[in-house]
Amino acid sequence: MSFYIRMTPAIFLDRDGTLNFDYGWITSPAKIELLAGAGDAVRAINDAGLLAVLVTNQPVIARGECTEAEMAAIHHRLESLLSQSGAHLDAIYYCPHHPDAGSRCHCRKPAPGLLENAAHDLNIDITRSWMIGDSERDLGAAAAFGIPAALVSSNQRSFKADIASVEAFRADSVLEAVQRILKTTISSC
């Protein structure tokens, strides 16, 4: 008897500046405010049968500005806001380290550790997965992991990121990025 385990593509999502407003480091649930279209974007991922996986650097933990329990509450608030749009995250991975706090790791983006852990845990089809973020760190993680990326400019900040170094495109919002990715991913199934 043999078993076939279906691999599912994922859209890896950065948090601050991609799904929610980036007000600097978020240290309490009250500071989480979704960007316009973020709930619809995650719901579209869910409806398409792809995994929506949050991958985020959170050095506030290493710096002692936020505890693991407070981070759990922040992510609970994020999931609650997404659920108001009928959306959900399939998993949340965060890096609590920061090199200035003396903690070196393989999970802090632009390293690919968060994506590698998720791919292993969730049986992700890497060949059809994408990364969406708002920084060079996000592009770097996608490149190191070998997947294409979308760079969103939801916060109207200017980008100096060189998207030519990785298969990537720019989008005005996470919703626009998801819509473009789904056209590509769904048509290749």
C-alpha atoms as a PDB file:
ATOM      1  CA  MET A   1       0.000   0.000   0.000  1.00  0.00           C
ATOM      2  CA  SER A   2       1.349   3.427  -0.876  1.00  0.00           C
ATOM      3  CA  PHE A   3       0.255   6.809   0.289  1.00  0.00           C
ATOM      4  CA  TYR A   4       0.303   9.993  -1.703  1.00  0.00           C
ATOM      5  CA  ILE A   5       0.654  13.152   0.315  1.00  0.00           C
ATOM      6  CA  ARG A   6      -0.555  16.162  -1.612  1.00  0.00           C
ATOM      7  CA  MET A   7       1.746  19.147  -1.563  1.00  0.00           C
ATOM      8  CA  THR A   8       0.058  22.535  -1.499  1.00  0.00           C
ATOM      9  CA  PRO A   9       1.494  25.831  -2.736  1.00  0.00           C
ATOM     10  CA  ALA A  10       1.719  28.672  -0.250  1.00  0.00           C
ATOM     11  CA  ILE A  11       1.782  32.409  -0.335  1.00  0.00           C
ATOM     12  CA  PHE A  12       4.179  33.541   2.370  1.00  0.00           C
ATOM     13  CA  LEU A  13       3.157  36.922   3.770  1.00  0.00           C
ATOM     14  CA  ASP A  14       5.164  39.454   5.701  1.00  0.00           C
ATOM     15  CA  ARG A  15       3.203  41.156   8.495  1.00  0.00           C
ATOM     16  CA  ASP A  16       4.043  44.824   9.157  1.00  0.00           C
ATOM     17  CA  GLY A  17       3.613  46.930   6.029  1.00  0.00           C
ATOM     18  CA  THR A  18       2.071  44.047   4.100  1.00  0.00           C
ATOM     19  CA  LEU A  19      -1.024  42.986   6.065  1.00  0.00           C
ATOM     20  CA  ASN A  20      -1.148  45.744   8.672  1.00  0.00           C
ATOM     21  CA  PHE A  21       0.012  49.327   8.973  1.00  0.00           C
ATOM     22  CA  ASP A  22       3.664  49.606   9.878  1.00  0.00           C
ATOM     23  CA  TYR A  23       3.803  51.997  12.831  1.00  0.00           C
ATOM     24  CA  GLY A  24       7.238  50.828  13.859  1.00  0.00           C
ATOM     25  CA  TRP A  25       7.644  47.791  16.054  1.00  0.00           C
ATOM     26  CA  ILE A  26       4.284  46.570  17.317  1.00  0.00           C
ATOM     27  CA  THR A  27       4.329  45.676  21.000  1.00  0.00           C
ATOM     28  CA  SER A  28       0.609  45.452  21.802  1.00  0.00           C
ATOM     29  CA  PRO A  29      -2.498  44.048  20.087  1.00  0.00           C
ATOM     30  CA  ALA A  30      -4.110  47.499  20.058  1.00  0.00           C
ATOM     31  CA  LYS A  31      -1.560  48.623  17.460  1.00  0.00           C
ATOM     32  CA  ILE A  32      -2.635  46.066  14.835  1.00  0.00           C
ATOM     33  CA  GLU A  33      -4.702  47.726  12.117  1.00  0.00           C
ATOM     34  CA  LEU A  34      -5.205  45.922   8.812  1.00  0.00           C
ATOM     35  CA  LEU A  35      -4.350  47.639   5.563  1.00  0.00           C
ATOM     36  CA  ALA A  36      -7.205  48.068   3.109  1.00  0.00           C
ATOM     37  CA  GLY A  37      -7.782  44.848   1.198  1.00  0.00           C
ATOM     38  CA  ALA A  38      -5.628  42.668   3.479  1.00  0.00           C
ATOM     39  CA  GLY A  39      -8.559  40.549   4.648  1.00  0.00           C
ATOM     40  CA  ASP A  40      -9.796  40.147   1.074  1.00  0.00           C
ATOM     41  CA  ALA A  41      -6.293  39.164  -0.034  1.00  0.00           C
ATOM     42  CA  VAL A  42      -5.967  36.425   2.572  1.00  0.00           C
ATOM     43  CA  ARG A  43      -9.509  35.204   1.869  1.00  0.00           C
ATOM     44  CA  ALA A  44      -8.628  34.960  -1.839  1.00  0.00           C
ATOM     45  CA  ILE A  45      -5.617  32.799  -0.939  1.00  0.00           C
ATOM     46  CA  ASN A  46      -7.870  30.615   1.232  1.00  0.00           C
ATOM     47  CA  ASP A  47     -10.554  30.346  -1.465  1.00  0.00           C
ATOM     48  CA  ALA A  48      -7.947  29.322  -4.056  1.00  0.00           C
ATOM     49  CA  GLY A  49      -6.875  26.400  -1.863  1.00  0.00           C
ATOM     50  CA  LEU A  50      -3.376  27.756  -1.235  1.00  0.00           C
ATOM     51  CA  LEU A  51      -1.823  28.121   2.184  1.00  0.00           C
ATOM     52  CA  ALA A  52      -1.582  31.610   3.707  1.00  0.00           C
ATOM     53  CA  VAL A  53       1.555  31.560   5.867  1.00  0.00           C
ATOM     54  CA  LEU A  54       2.747  34.544   7.891  1.00  0.00           C
ATOM     55  CA  VAL A  55       6.544  34.917   8.132  1.00  0.00           C
ATOM     56  CA  THR A  56       7.735  37.906  10.129  1.00  0.00           C
ATOM     57  CA  ASN A  57      10.812  39.227  11.940  1.00  0.00           C
ATOM     58  CA  GLN A  58       9.907  40.291  15.473  1.00  0.00           C
ATOM     59  CA  PRO A  59      13.087  41.488  17.211  1.00  0.00           C
ATOM     60  CA  VAL A  60      11.001  43.241  19.863  1.00  0.00           C
ATOM     61  CA  ILE A  61      11.161  39.948  21.755  1.00  0.00           C
ATOM     62  CA  ALA A  62      14.979  39.797  21.741  1.00  0.00           C
ATOM     63  CA  ARG A  63      15.106  43.442  22.800  1.00  0.00           C
ATOM     64  CA  GLY A  64      12.755  42.798  25.734  1.00  0.00           C
ATOM     65  CA  GLU A  65      10.047  45.146  24.415  1.00  0.00           C
ATOM     66  CA  CYS A  66       7.504  42.341  24.030  1.00  0.00           C
ATOM     67  CA  THR A  67       7.125  38.865  25.530  1.00  0.00           C
ATOM     68  CA  GLU A  68       6.243  35.658  23.680  1.00  0.00           C
ATOM     69  CA  ALA A  69       2.801  35.823  25.345  1.00  0.00           C
ATOM     70  CA  GLU A  70       2.290  39.400  24.147  1.00  0.00           C
ATOM     71  CA  MET A  71       3.314  38.337  20.622  1.00  0.00           C
ATOM     72  CA  ALA A  72       0.728  35.556  20.777  1.00  0.00           C
ATOM     73  CA  ALA A  73      -1.902  38.165  21.727  1.00  0.00           C
ATOM     74  CA  ILE A  74      -0.804  40.415  18.845  1.00  0.00           C
ATOM     75  CA  HIS A  75      -1.157  37.537  16.396  1.00  0.00           C
ATOM     76  CA  HIS A  76      -4.514  36.557  17.912  1.00  0.00           C
ATOM     77  CA  ARG A  77      -5.723  40.120  17.245  1.00  0.00           C
ATOM     78  CA  LEU A  78      -4.424  39.917  13.653  1.00  0.00           C
ATOM     79  CA  GLU A  79      -6.252  36.628  13.110  1.00  0.00           C
ATOM     80  CA  SER A  80      -9.418  38.068  14.649  1.00  0.00           C
ATOM     81  CA  LEU A  81      -9.334  41.043  12.265  1.00  0.00           C
ATOM     82  CA  LEU A  82      -8.741  38.745   9.286  1.00  0.00           C
ATOM     83  CA  SER A  83     -11.663  36.532  10.335  1.00  0.00           C
ATOM     84  CA  GLN A  84     -13.981  39.527   9.968  1.00  0.00           C
ATOM     85  CA  SER A  85     -13.331  39.193   6.217  1.00  0.00           C
ATOM     86  CA  GLY A  86     -13.841  35.420   6.327  1.00  0.00           C
ATOM     87  CA  ALA A  87     -10.062  34.900   6.075  1.00  0.00           C
ATOM     88  CA  HIS A  88      -7.543  32.889   8.063  1.00  0.00           C
ATOM     89  CA  LEU A  89      -3.824  32.274   8.249  1.00  0.00           C
ATOM     90  CA  ASP A  90      -2.813  28.626   8.003  1.00  0.00           C
ATOM     91  CA  ALA A  91       0.279  29.190  10.122  1.00  0.00           C
ATOM     92  CA  ILE A  92       2.341  31.930  11.732  1.00  0.00           C
ATOM     93  CA  TYR A  93       6.136  31.791  11.886  1.00  0.00           C
ATOM     94  CA  TYR A  94       8.163  34.568  13.482  1.00  0.00           C
ATOM     95  CA  CYS A  95      11.786  35.173  14.269  1.00  0.00           C
ATOM     96  CA  PRO A  96      12.222  36.548  17.814  1.00  0.00           C
ATOM     97  CA  HIS A  97      15.946  37.196  17.355  1.00  0.00           C
ATOM     98  CA  HIS A  98      18.002  40.286  16.670  1.00  0.00           C
ATOM     99  CA  PRO A  99      21.750  40.394  16.004  1.00  0.00           C
ATOM    100  CA  ASP A 100      22.148  43.582  18.065  1.00  0.00           C
ATOM    101  CA  ALA A 101      20.740  41.681  21.044  1.00  0.00           C
ATOM    102  CA  GLY A 102      23.412  39.009  20.603  1.00  0.00           C
ATOM    103  CA  SER A 103      21.142  36.417  19.018  1.00  0.00           C
ATOM    104  CA  ARG A 104      22.245  35.078  15.622  1.00  0.00           C
ATOM    105  CA  CYS A 105      19.967  32.687  13.807  1.00  0.00           C
ATOM    106  CA  HIS A 106      18.955  31.160  10.479  1.00  0.00           C
ATOM    107  CA  CYS A 107      15.343  32.321  10.703  1.00  0.00           C
ATOM    108  CA  ARG A 108      15.672  36.126  10.549  1.00  0.00           C
ATOM    109  CA  LYS A 109      14.783  37.325   7.064  1.00  0.00           C
ATOM    110  CA  PRO A 110      16.554  37.665   4.643  1.00  0.00           C
ATOM    111  CA  ALA A 111      17.633  34.171   5.746  1.00  0.00           C
ATOM    112  CA  PRO A 112      15.155  31.538   4.518  1.00  0.00           C
ATOM    113  CA  GLY A 113      14.695  29.691   7.832  1.00  0.00           C
ATOM    114  CA  LEU A 114      11.084  30.692   8.479  1.00  0.00           C
ATOM    115  CA  LEU A 115      10.073  29.622   4.971  1.00  0.00           C
ATOM    116  CA  GLU A 116      12.047  26.371   5.246  1.00  0.00           C
ATOM    117  CA  ASN A 117      10.391  25.520   8.561  1.00  0.00           C
ATOM    118  CA  ALA A 118       6.937  26.197   7.161  1.00  0.00           C
ATOM    119  CA  ALA A 119       7.620  24.183   4.006  1.00  0.00           C
ATOM    120  CA  HIS A 120       8.719  21.226   6.108  1.00  0.00           C
ATOM    121  CA  ASP A 121       5.871  21.466   8.629  1.00  0.00           C
ATOM    122  CA  LEU A 122       3.083  22.101   6.113  1.00  0.00           C
ATOM    123  CA  ASN A 123       4.231  19.987   3.132  1.00  0.00           C
ATOM    124  CA  ILE A 124       4.402  23.048   0.880  1.00  0.00           C
ATOM    125  CA  ASP A 125       4.884  22.798  -2.876  1.00  0.00           C
ATOM    126  CA  ILE A 126       7.811  25.186  -3.230  1.00  0.00           C
ATOM    127  CA  THR A 127       7.683  25.136  -7.048  1.00  0.00           C
ATOM    128  CA  ARG A 128       4.374  27.038  -7.023  1.00  0.00           C
ATOM    129  CA  SER A 129       4.821  29.196  -3.918  1.00  0.00           C
ATOM    130  CA  TRP A 130       5.391  32.952  -3.599  1.00  0.00           C
ATOM    131  CA  MET A 131       6.482  35.534  -1.049  1.00  0.00           C
ATOM    132  CA  ILE A 132       4.738  38.900  -0.560  1.00  0.00           C
ATOM    133  CA  GLY A 133       6.461  41.575   1.489  1.00  0.00           C
ATOM    134  CA  ASP A 134       7.395  45.213   1.681  1.00  0.00           C
ATOM    135  CA  SER A 135      11.164  45.147   2.139  1.00  0.00           C
ATOM    136  CA  GLU A 136      14.482  43.992   0.777  1.00  0.00           C
ATOM    137  CA  ARG A 137      14.578  41.438   3.611  1.00  0.00           C
ATOM    138  CA  ASP A 138      11.442  39.821   2.202  1.00  0.00           C
ATOM    139  CA  LEU A 139      12.910  39.729  -1.312  1.00  0.00           C
ATOM    140  CA  GLY A 140      16.119  38.276   0.106  1.00  0.00           C
ATOM    141  CA  ALA A 141      14.249  35.497   1.903  1.00  0.00           C
ATOM    142  CA  ALA A 142      12.367  34.647  -1.302  1.00  0.00           C
ATOM    143  CA  ALA A 143      15.594  34.580  -3.304  1.00  0.00           C
ATOM    144  CA  ALA A 144      17.370  32.428  -0.699  1.00  0.00           C
ATOM    145  CA  PHE A 145      14.422  30.032  -0.684  1.00  0.00           C
ATOM    146  CA  GLY A 146      14.198  29.968  -4.478  1.00  0.00           C
ATOM    147  CA  ILE A 147      10.702  31.358  -4.939  1.00  0.00           C
ATOM    148  CA  PRO A 148       9.368  34.460  -6.717  1.00  0.00           C
ATOM    149  CA  ALA A 149       8.144  37.482  -4.789  1.00  0.00           C
ATOM    150  CA  ALA A 150       5.904  40.506  -4.898  1.00  0.00           C
ATOM    151  CA  LEU A 151       7.007  43.762  -3.311  1.00  0.00           C
ATOM    152  CA  VAL A 152       4.080  45.825  -2.038  1.00  0.00           C
ATOM    153  CA  SER A 153       4.178  49.518  -1.359  1.00  0.00           C
ATOM    154  CA  SER A 154       1.127  49.673   0.903  1.00  0.00           C
ATOM    155  CA  ASN A 155       2.637  52.301   3.173  1.00  0.00           C
ATOM    156  CA  GLN A 156       3.567  54.617   0.288  1.00  0.00           C
ATOM    157  CA  ARG A 157       7.211  54.466   1.281  1.00  0.00           C
ATOM    158  CA  SER A 158       9.853  54.659  -1.368  1.00  0.00           C
ATOM    159  CA  PHE A 159      11.765  51.515  -2.202  1.00  0.00           C
ATOM    160  CA  LYS A 160      15.396  51.184  -2.982  1.00  0.00           C
ATOM    161  CA  ALA A 161      15.070  47.412  -3.308  1.00  0.00           C
ATOM    162  CA  ASP A 162      16.551  45.935  -6.440  1.00  0.00           C
ATOM    163  CA  ILE A 163      13.820  43.605  -7.598  1.00  0.00           C
ATOM    164  CA  ALA A 164      15.910  42.580 -10.598  1.00  0.00           C
ATOM    165  CA  SER A 165      17.950  40.294  -8.319  1.00  0.00           C
ATOM    166  CA  VAL A 166      14.977  37.972  -7.750  1.00  0.00           C
ATOM    167  CA  GLU A 167      11.963  36.990  -9.832  1.00  0.00           C
ATOM    168  CA  ALA A 168       9.620  39.667  -8.539  1.00  0.00           C
ATOM    169  CA  PHE A 169       7.094  42.330  -9.377  1.00  0.00           C
ATOM    170  CA  ARG A 170       5.844  45.449  -7.629  1.00  0.00           C
ATOM    171  CA  ALA A 171       2.239  45.942  -6.534  1.00  0.00           C
ATOM    172  CA  ASP A 172       0.399  48.785  -4.837  1.00  0.00           C
ATOM    173  CA  SER A 173      -1.221  46.479  -2.255  1.00  0.00           C
ATOM    174  CA  VAL A 174      -1.239  42.944  -0.941  1.00  0.00           C
ATOM    175  CA  LEU A 175      -4.612  42.411  -2.632  1.00  0.00           C
ATOM    176  CA  GLU A 176      -3.217  43.405  -6.028  1.00  0.00           C
ATOM    177  CA  ALA A 177      -0.214  41.127  -5.472  1.00  0.00           C
ATOM    178  CA  VAL A 178      -2.411  38.156  -4.507  1.00  0.00           C
ATOM    179  CA  GLN A 179      -4.692  38.658  -7.510  1.00  0.00           C
ATOM    180  CA  ARG A 180      -1.712  38.669  -9.886  1.00  0.00           C
ATOM    181  CA  ILE A 181      -0.133  35.640  -8.220  1.00  0.00           C
ATOM    182  CA  LEU A 182      -3.358  33.645  -8.282  1.00  0.00           C
ATOM    183  CA  LYS A 183      -3.723  34.225 -12.020  1.00  0.00           C
ATOM    184  CA  THR A 184      -0.235  32.772 -12.473  1.00  0.00           C
ATOM    185  CA  THR A 185      -0.495  29.930  -9.941  1.00  0.00           C
ATOM    186  CA  ILE A 186      -4.006  28.782 -10.787  1.00  0.00           C
ATOM    187  CA  SER A 187      -3.341  28.826 -14.541  1.00  0.00           C
ATOM    188  CA  SER A 188      -0.243  26.628 -14.027  1.00  0.00           C
ATOM    189  CA  CYS A 189      -2.163  23.902 -12.170  1.00  0.00           C
END
